[in-house]
Every structure is written in C-alpha cells, then in structure tokens.
Amino acid sequence: MSDFAASPAGQHLIISAQYLEAAVVLSDAQRVRGKALFLPTLALAGQGLELMLKSCMHWNSSPPPTHGAAGHAIIDFWELDVCEPIRGHMFVNAQIVKDEASAAGLLLSDGLPDGDLMALITEYVQVLARLHGGQPYPLRYPTEQPTMAPRTPWLVSVLRRTADDFLKRPNDFNRSNFLGTML
C-alpha cells in the first residue's frame, strides 16, 4: 500500500477520497441546512470523481490528460476500458448503498428504481460530468440555463464507498486483475 500511496495513482486517489468525504459531510448536512449545500456537494463530488478516474488511469498505465477541457472530460474517462474497474465497483456499490439505506429506513434510497441501477449510476455520472466540466460550468458560475442534477446522497455515498474500496484494495482496480475476477 505504501508504494501505491506514493504513486501518481495513489496521490490522485488520496485527494479524491478527501473531496468525497467532504461531499458526504455536506450531503448529510443538507438534511439540516437544506439546498444551500447542494451545489457545493455536487462540486466536491465532481472533483472527487474526476480524480478517482484519473487515479485509475494512472494505475493502469494510461496517464490522463492534464490541460484544458480534456483534463476534465469525466465522461470520456468513465468510458475508457482502463476505467472499467471503477464502473464495476460503482455498480456493485450502488446496490449496496441502496440496500443499506433502505434497511435503515433512510430517505437515501427513496425514489431509486428497483431495476437497473447500472443505467442510473451511468446517467448520474454523465449528468455530474456535464455539471462539473461542461460550459458554462454550472457548478462554479451562475447560469441561466436550466440544469438537471443527480440525487446527491446516494451518488456521493456510492462514490465515497468506491474510493474507499480503491484505497484499501488497489490491485482490485488493476484492469487485468479486474477482468480475471469477472471470468
């Protein structure tokens, strides 16, 4: 683990986990503070997701772009073969988070479908990616364009759990190991 933490992948992931932990704190605080924390929660989640995907790219020997719009292209990163372990873990964690929230009677699971959580997590990632990196950068600047946003409590919990999995078991996010476990 110490070698991983010192690597570019580990350095990206450590910062990602920090952003996502802060997003969870803000998401939880929304119950008391309301929607005033919604945009900051999404901003932290978007940055955390971007860094987690870049970490996976580094870990799988595919350094990500670092400049301009290409450096924030979450949708492009999400769809890369080298990021398949992130997608796989997020799909599993999406169901786990939903089931745990439902069992605990938390609103986190309200409104989520019983069916295809894989499609829903992909949709939420795409929406978050457009908010995070798409012009006119609605998470950073005022905009008059109507925007759709994902449900933050569920998405943020899924992202944080996935980053935690990656920190604890980085080899599970090596694409060649991941494909071996899927066969």
Foldseek 3Di string as FASTA:
>chain_A
DVVLCPFLLNVLLVVLLVLLVVLLVLLVCCVPVNPVSVLVSLQSNLSSLLSNLQSLCVLQVRHADCDDLSSLQSLVSCPDLSQVLLLVQLQVLLVVLLVVCVVVVHCLNPPPDPPDVSVVLNVQSVLSSCCCRNPPNVSVDDDPDDGDHDSRNSNSSSSSVSSVCCVVCVVCSHSVNVVVVVD
